[in-house]
Amino acid sequence: MIHSTVLIRIKSSRAIAETQYWTVKVPRSDIKEFLKARLELLEVTKGEKGISLNVGGNKYFAQSVAPDILLIFITDIDENDRNVTEKIETAAKALGDILEQKTVPFVKKNYEKLINPFVHTKLKVALVGEGGVGKTTTLHLLMGKRPPTQYIPTIALAMEVIENIHFANYSLVLWDFAGQERFRKLWKLYFQGADIVFLLT
């Protein structure tokens, strides 16, 4: 999980903007240690990209945004390097494009709004079970809506994105599968890419 991001000036090591998605704050000393280790590593590897470094129990990724501006993603130690590298490269390019047309103060003021789409991950949650067991009722309750008072069968699939429930930098996409026998052959297709499957009985 990406739990912090920092947009920083390379020469002065001063943060321009930052976001935090978890309760544990990353110490400035760890960021400085990372910048120092990164500089030494770049000299040895001849500027090779996509390298992560572990500092203070976190994993650090960095990507240049502009000549003196660096974007840093700080993640859990077990985070997949390839996924984070793809996200940070895309985010750095987008921020670089914005900086070509806007000022650093503009990016600083709007940083959270600009960086969030690259950091947030949607979790696909599947609600599965026989017809009438309460999948749609559960979906309505999770959405803060009034559940139906009578049984109304779901046809094929109902999908809701929960924007107001966030766990760190994850948001939920809930899939309510039709429970009738005729739709069961579609379940296999709907399960693809599901991060969590709830079987309601």
C-alpha atoms as a PDB file:
ATOM      1  CA  MET A   1       0.000   0.000   0.000  1.00  0.00           C
ATOM      2  CA  ILE A   2       1.237   3.473  -0.853  1.00  0.00           C
ATOM      3  CA  HIS A   3       0.873   5.295   2.444  1.00  0.00           C
ATOM      4  CA  SER A   4       2.685   8.571   1.727  1.00  0.00           C
ATOM      5  CA  THR A   5       3.811  10.691  -1.208  1.00  0.00           C
ATOM      6  CA  VAL A   6       6.215  13.622  -1.225  1.00  0.00           C
ATOM      7  CA  LEU A   7       6.980  16.132  -3.958  1.00  0.00           C
ATOM      8  CA  ILE A   8      10.415  17.452  -3.089  1.00  0.00           C
ATOM      9  CA  ARG A   9      13.134  19.773  -4.346  1.00  0.00           C
ATOM     10  CA  ILE A  10      16.234  17.661  -4.943  1.00  0.00           C
ATOM     11  CA  LYS A  11      18.948  20.243  -4.165  1.00  0.00           C
ATOM     12  CA  SER A  12      17.463  21.616  -0.951  1.00  0.00           C
ATOM     13  CA  SER A  13      15.589  18.443   0.146  1.00  0.00           C
ATOM     14  CA  ARG A  14      12.623  20.689   0.949  1.00  0.00           C
ATOM     15  CA  ALA A  15       9.133  19.274   0.515  1.00  0.00           C
ATOM     16  CA  ILE A  16       6.882  21.159  -1.891  1.00  0.00           C
ATOM     17  CA  ALA A  17       3.800  19.100  -1.025  1.00  0.00           C
ATOM     18  CA  GLU A  18       2.911  15.748   0.481  1.00  0.00           C
ATOM     19  CA  THR A  19       0.032  13.397   1.157  1.00  0.00           C
ATOM     20  CA  GLN A  20      -0.415  10.832   3.889  1.00  0.00           C
ATOM     21  CA  TYR A  21      -2.858   7.917   3.617  1.00  0.00           C
ATOM     22  CA  TRP A  22      -1.960   6.095   6.801  1.00  0.00           C
ATOM     23  CA  THR A  23      -1.692   7.011  10.471  1.00  0.00           C
ATOM     24  CA  VAL A  24       2.077   6.510  10.715  1.00  0.00           C
ATOM     25  CA  LYS A  25       3.999   9.622   9.669  1.00  0.00           C
ATOM     26  CA  VAL A  26       7.285   9.106   7.845  1.00  0.00           C
ATOM     27  CA  PRO A  27      10.165  10.860   9.657  1.00  0.00           C
ATOM     28  CA  ARG A  28      12.024  13.576   7.701  1.00  0.00           C
ATOM     29  CA  SER A  29      15.278  11.857   8.658  1.00  0.00           C
ATOM     30  CA  ASP A  30      14.173   8.740   6.735  1.00  0.00           C
ATOM     31  CA  ILE A  31      13.405  10.826   3.641  1.00  0.00           C
ATOM     32  CA  LYS A  32      16.833  12.493   3.847  1.00  0.00           C
ATOM     33  CA  GLU A  33      18.492   9.094   4.299  1.00  0.00           C
ATOM     34  CA  PHE A  34      16.617   7.812   1.241  1.00  0.00           C
ATOM     35  CA  LEU A  35      17.688  10.805  -0.882  1.00  0.00           C
ATOM     36  CA  LYS A  36      21.329  10.288   0.124  1.00  0.00           C
ATOM     37  CA  ALA A  37      21.227   6.526  -0.564  1.00  0.00           C
ATOM     38  CA  ARG A  38      19.433   7.122  -3.883  1.00  0.00           C
ATOM     39  CA  LEU A  39      22.112   9.564  -5.019  1.00  0.00           C
ATOM     40  CA  GLU A  40      24.878   7.072  -4.168  1.00  0.00           C
ATOM     41  CA  LEU A  41      22.990   4.265  -5.913  1.00  0.00           C
ATOM     42  CA  LEU A  42      22.413   6.346  -9.064  1.00  0.00           C
ATOM     43  CA  GLU A  43      26.175   6.915  -9.314  1.00  0.00           C
ATOM     44  CA  VAL A  44      26.861   3.178  -9.078  1.00  0.00           C
ATOM     45  CA  THR A  45      24.031   2.044 -11.397  1.00  0.00           C
ATOM     46  CA  LYS A  46      24.611   4.774 -13.990  1.00  0.00           C
ATOM     47  CA  GLY A  47      21.139   6.275 -13.527  1.00  0.00           C
ATOM     48  CA  GLU A  48      19.148   3.026 -13.780  1.00  0.00           C
ATOM     49  CA  LYS A  49      15.445   3.638 -13.094  1.00  0.00           C
ATOM     50  CA  GLY A  50      12.807   1.675 -11.215  1.00  0.00           C
ATOM     51  CA  ILE A  51      14.933   0.877  -8.172  1.00  0.00           C
ATOM     52  CA  SER A  52      13.293   0.827  -4.752  1.00  0.00           C
ATOM     53  CA  LEU A  53      15.129   1.323  -1.471  1.00  0.00           C
ATOM     54  CA  ASN A  54      14.194   0.168   2.019  1.00  0.00           C
ATOM     55  CA  VAL A  55      14.623   2.789   4.743  1.00  0.00           C
ATOM     56  CA  GLY A  56      13.209   2.744   8.264  1.00  0.00           C
ATOM     57  CA  GLY A  57      10.864  -0.186   7.630  1.00  0.00           C
ATOM     58  CA  ASN A  58       9.340   1.376   4.500  1.00  0.00           C
ATOM     59  CA  LYS A  59      10.010   1.014   0.792  1.00  0.00           C
ATOM     60  CA  TYR A  60      10.789   4.174  -1.194  1.00  0.00           C
ATOM     61  CA  PHE A  61      10.310   4.818  -4.907  1.00  0.00           C
ATOM     62  CA  ALA A  62      11.311   8.025  -6.693  1.00  0.00           C
ATOM     63  CA  GLN A  63      10.820   9.532 -10.125  1.00  0.00           C
ATOM     64  CA  SER A  64      11.953  12.855 -11.587  1.00  0.00           C
ATOM     65  CA  VAL A  65       9.156  15.294 -12.368  1.00  0.00           C
ATOM     66  CA  ALA A  66      11.311  18.257 -13.446  1.00  0.00           C
ATOM     67  CA  PRO A  67      15.071  19.013 -13.304  1.00  0.00           C
ATOM     68  CA  ASP A  68      15.011  19.869  -9.560  1.00  0.00           C
ATOM     69  CA  ILE A  69      11.753  18.172  -8.522  1.00  0.00           C
ATOM     70  CA  LEU A  70      11.382  14.566  -7.419  1.00  0.00           C
ATOM     71  CA  LEU A  71       8.222  12.580  -6.664  1.00  0.00           C
ATOM     72  CA  ILE A  72       8.557   9.998  -3.879  1.00  0.00           C
ATOM     73  CA  PHE A  73       6.105   7.198  -3.067  1.00  0.00           C
ATOM     74  CA  ILE A  74       6.526   5.522   0.334  1.00  0.00           C
ATOM     75  CA  THR A  75       4.984   2.062   0.680  1.00  0.00           C
ATOM     76  CA  ASP A  76       4.813  -1.007   2.858  1.00  0.00           C
ATOM     77  CA  ILE A  77       7.957  -3.109   2.721  1.00  0.00           C
ATOM     78  CA  ASP A  78       6.106  -5.952   0.924  1.00  0.00           C
ATOM     79  CA  GLU A  79       4.621  -3.789  -1.847  1.00  0.00           C
ATOM     80  CA  ASN A  80       5.019  -5.029  -5.428  1.00  0.00           C
ATOM     81  CA  ASP A  81       7.788  -2.994  -7.115  1.00  0.00           C
ATOM     82  CA  ARG A  82       6.382  -3.228 -10.634  1.00  0.00           C
ATOM     83  CA  ASN A  83       2.930  -1.898  -9.667  1.00  0.00           C
ATOM     84  CA  VAL A  84       4.336   1.045  -7.728  1.00  0.00           C
ATOM     85  CA  THR A  85       6.914   1.821 -10.431  1.00  0.00           C
ATOM     86  CA  GLU A  86       4.138   1.993 -13.049  1.00  0.00           C
ATOM     87  CA  LYS A  87       2.057   4.282 -10.824  1.00  0.00           C
ATOM     88  CA  ILE A  88       4.906   6.639  -9.952  1.00  0.00           C
ATOM     89  CA  GLU A  89       6.099   6.896 -13.564  1.00  0.00           C
ATOM     90  CA  THR A  90       2.586   7.793 -14.729  1.00  0.00           C
ATOM     91  CA  ALA A  91       2.101  10.273 -11.873  1.00  0.00           C
ATOM     92  CA  ALA A  92       5.499  11.930 -12.427  1.00  0.00           C
ATOM     93  CA  LYS A  93       4.810  12.362 -16.142  1.00  0.00           C
ATOM     94  CA  ALA A  94       1.391  13.888 -15.429  1.00  0.00           C
ATOM     95  CA  LEU A  95       2.838  16.279 -12.835  1.00  0.00           C
ATOM     96  CA  GLY A  96       5.666  17.176 -15.227  1.00  0.00           C
ATOM     97  CA  ASP A  97       3.149  17.994 -17.961  1.00  0.00           C
ATOM     98  CA  ILE A  98       1.199  20.183 -15.529  1.00  0.00           C
ATOM     99  CA  LEU A  99       4.383  21.983 -14.417  1.00  0.00           C
ATOM    100  CA  GLU A 100       5.161  22.847 -18.043  1.00  0.00           C
ATOM    101  CA  GLN A 101       1.939  24.880 -18.145  1.00  0.00           C
ATOM    102  CA  LYS A 102       1.360  25.856 -14.503  1.00  0.00           C
ATOM    103  CA  THR A 103       3.520  27.064 -11.625  1.00  0.00           C
ATOM    104  CA  VAL A 104       4.948  25.181  -8.645  1.00  0.00           C
ATOM    105  CA  PRO A 105       2.585  27.085  -6.283  1.00  0.00           C
ATOM    106  CA  PHE A 106      -0.365  25.814  -8.376  1.00  0.00           C
ATOM    107  CA  VAL A 107       0.840  22.210  -8.026  1.00  0.00           C
ATOM    108  CA  LYS A 108       1.491  22.733  -4.298  1.00  0.00           C
ATOM    109  CA  LYS A 109      -2.036  24.068  -3.746  1.00  0.00           C
ATOM    110  CA  ASN A 110      -3.702  21.283  -5.780  1.00  0.00           C
ATOM    111  CA  TYR A 111      -1.245  18.459  -5.039  1.00  0.00           C
ATOM    112  CA  GLU A 112      -3.609  16.109  -3.225  1.00  0.00           C
ATOM    113  CA  LYS A 113      -6.233  16.387  -5.956  1.00  0.00           C
ATOM    114  CA  LEU A 114      -3.571  15.877  -8.644  1.00  0.00           C
ATOM    115  CA  ILE A 115      -1.823  12.874  -7.030  1.00  0.00           C
ATOM    116  CA  ASN A 116      -4.816  10.937  -5.620  1.00  0.00           C
ATOM    117  CA  PRO A 117      -5.904   9.311  -8.921  1.00  0.00           C
ATOM    118  CA  PHE A 118      -2.455   7.712  -9.216  1.00  0.00           C
ATOM    119  CA  VAL A 119      -2.343   6.501  -5.614  1.00  0.00           C
ATOM    120  CA  HIS A 120      -5.871   5.283  -4.921  1.00  0.00           C
ATOM    121  CA  THR A 121      -6.689   1.668  -5.636  1.00  0.00           C
ATOM    122  CA  LYS A 122     -10.202   0.332  -6.069  1.00  0.00           C
ATOM    123  CA  LEU A 123     -10.923  -3.009  -4.441  1.00  0.00           C
ATOM    124  CA  LYS A 124     -13.453  -5.187  -6.238  1.00  0.00           C
ATOM    125  CA  VAL A 125     -15.729  -6.837  -3.667  1.00  0.00           C
ATOM    126  CA  ALA A 126     -18.122  -9.523  -4.915  1.00  0.00           C
ATOM    127  CA  LEU A 127     -21.337 -10.402  -3.051  1.00  0.00           C
ATOM    128  CA  VAL A 128     -22.367 -13.918  -4.060  1.00  0.00           C
ATOM    129  CA  GLY A 129     -25.108 -16.303  -2.969  1.00  0.00           C
ATOM    130  CA  GLU A 130     -28.452 -17.911  -3.770  1.00  0.00           C
ATOM    131  CA  GLY A 131     -31.377 -15.708  -4.736  1.00  0.00           C
ATOM    132  CA  GLY A 132     -33.073 -14.056  -1.753  1.00  0.00           C
ATOM    133  CA  VAL A 133     -30.242 -14.433   0.807  1.00  0.00           C
ATOM    134  CA  GLY A 134     -29.735 -10.684   1.235  1.00  0.00           C
ATOM    135  CA  LYS A 135     -26.983  -9.634  -1.176  1.00  0.00           C
ATOM    136  CA  THR A 136     -28.844  -6.539  -2.372  1.00  0.00           C
ATOM    137  CA  THR A 137     -29.932  -5.729   1.196  1.00  0.00           C
ATOM    138  CA  THR A 138     -26.291  -5.931   2.318  1.00  0.00           C
ATOM    139  CA  LEU A 139     -25.279  -3.699  -0.588  1.00  0.00           C
ATOM    140  CA  HIS A 140     -27.946  -1.119   0.326  1.00  0.00           C
ATOM    141  CA  LEU A 141     -26.910  -1.139   3.995  1.00  0.00           C
ATOM    142  CA  LEU A 142     -23.234  -0.641   3.088  1.00  0.00           C
ATOM    143  CA  MET A 143     -24.220   2.265   0.846  1.00  0.00           C
ATOM    144  CA  GLY A 144     -26.255   3.866   3.644  1.00  0.00           C
ATOM    145  CA  LYS A 145     -29.478   3.400   1.702  1.00  0.00           C
ATOM    146  CA  ARG A 146     -32.801   1.974   2.848  1.00  0.00           C
ATOM    147  CA  PRO A 147     -32.955  -1.731   1.937  1.00  0.00           C
ATOM    148  CA  PRO A 148     -35.869  -2.973  -0.160  1.00  0.00           C
ATOM    149  CA  THR A 149     -38.875  -4.105   1.888  1.00  0.00           C
ATOM    150  CA  GLN A 150     -39.720  -6.933  -0.476  1.00  0.00           C
ATOM    151  CA  TYR A 151     -37.699  -9.339  -2.574  1.00  0.00           C
ATOM    152  CA  ILE A 152     -36.718  -7.842  -5.932  1.00  0.00           C
ATOM    153  CA  PRO A 153     -34.389 -10.194  -7.810  1.00  0.00           C
ATOM    154  CA  THR A 154     -31.194  -8.718  -9.207  1.00  0.00           C
ATOM    155  CA  ILE A 155     -30.949  -9.214 -12.956  1.00  0.00           C
ATOM    156  CA  ALA A 156     -27.407 -10.212 -13.969  1.00  0.00           C
ATOM    157  CA  LEU A 157     -25.371  -7.707 -11.920  1.00  0.00           C
ATOM    158  CA  ALA A 158     -25.690  -4.590  -9.766  1.00  0.00           C
ATOM    159  CA  MET A 159     -22.537  -2.580  -9.197  1.00  0.00           C
ATOM    160  CA  GLU A 160     -21.919   0.286  -6.766  1.00  0.00           C
ATOM    161  CA  VAL A 161     -18.798   2.329  -6.083  1.00  0.00           C
ATOM    162  CA  ILE A 162     -18.536   3.373  -2.456  1.00  0.00           C
ATOM    163  CA  GLU A 163     -16.830   6.752  -2.494  1.00  0.00           C
ATOM    164  CA  ASN A 164     -17.359   7.611   1.162  1.00  0.00           C
ATOM    165  CA  ILE A 165     -15.753   4.490   2.637  1.00  0.00           C
ATOM    166  CA  HIS A 166     -11.991   4.546   2.311  1.00  0.00           C
ATOM    167  CA  PHE A 167      -9.409   2.345   3.955  1.00  0.00           C
ATOM    168  CA  ALA A 168      -6.118   4.219   3.612  1.00  0.00           C
ATOM    169  CA  ASN A 169      -5.853   4.699  -0.167  1.00  0.00           C
ATOM    170  CA  TYR A 170      -8.365   2.011  -1.151  1.00  0.00           C
ATOM    171  CA  SER A 171     -11.951   2.602  -2.219  1.00  0.00           C
ATOM    172  CA  LEU A 172     -14.522  -0.153  -2.681  1.00  0.00           C
ATOM    173  CA  VAL A 173     -16.413  -1.283  -5.774  1.00  0.00           C
ATOM    174  CA  LEU A 174     -19.197  -3.668  -4.734  1.00  0.00           C
ATOM    175  CA  TRP A 175     -20.578  -6.200  -7.190  1.00  0.00           C
ATOM    176  CA  ASP A 176     -23.960  -7.738  -6.350  1.00  0.00           C
ATOM    177  CA  PHE A 177     -24.345 -10.933  -8.401  1.00  0.00           C
ATOM    178  CA  ALA A 178     -27.724 -12.266  -9.442  1.00  0.00           C
ATOM    179  CA  GLY A 179     -28.404 -15.429  -7.458  1.00  0.00           C
ATOM    180  CA  GLN A 180     -30.912 -17.076  -9.789  1.00  0.00           C
ATOM    181  CA  GLU A 181     -29.894 -20.355 -11.389  1.00  0.00           C
ATOM    182  CA  ARG A 182     -29.948 -18.949 -14.938  1.00  0.00           C
ATOM    183  CA  PHE A 183     -27.245 -16.371 -14.102  1.00  0.00           C
ATOM    184  CA  ARG A 184     -24.810 -18.706 -12.327  1.00  0.00           C
ATOM    185  CA  LYS A 185     -22.869 -19.481 -15.494  1.00  0.00           C
ATOM    186  CA  LEU A 186     -21.868 -15.776 -15.539  1.00  0.00           C
ATOM    187  CA  TRP A 187     -20.411 -15.876 -12.003  1.00  0.00           C
ATOM    188  CA  LYS A 188     -17.036 -17.091 -13.255  1.00  0.00           C
ATOM    189  CA  LEU A 189     -16.734 -13.995 -15.468  1.00  0.00           C
ATOM    190  CA  TYR A 190     -17.756 -11.680 -12.641  1.00  0.00           C
ATOM    191  CA  PHE A 191     -15.233 -13.219 -10.221  1.00  0.00           C
ATOM    192  CA  GLN A 192     -12.300 -12.274 -12.454  1.00  0.00           C
ATOM    193  CA  GLY A 193     -10.293  -9.532 -10.823  1.00  0.00           C
ATOM    194  CA  ALA A 194     -12.221  -9.722  -7.536  1.00  0.00           C
ATOM    195  CA  ASP A 195     -10.070  -8.890  -4.531  1.00  0.00           C
ATOM    196  CA  ILE A 196     -12.636 -10.095  -1.979  1.00  0.00           C
ATOM    197  CA  VAL A 197     -15.570 -12.495  -2.391  1.00  0.00           C
ATOM    198  CA  PHE A 198     -18.331 -12.627   0.246  1.00  0.00           C
ATOM    199  CA  LEU A 199     -20.483 -15.749   0.070  1.00  0.00           C
ATOM    200  CA  LEU A 200     -23.859 -14.989   1.652  1.00  0.00           C
ATOM    201  CA  THR A 201     -26.005 -17.944   2.743  1.00  0.00           C
END
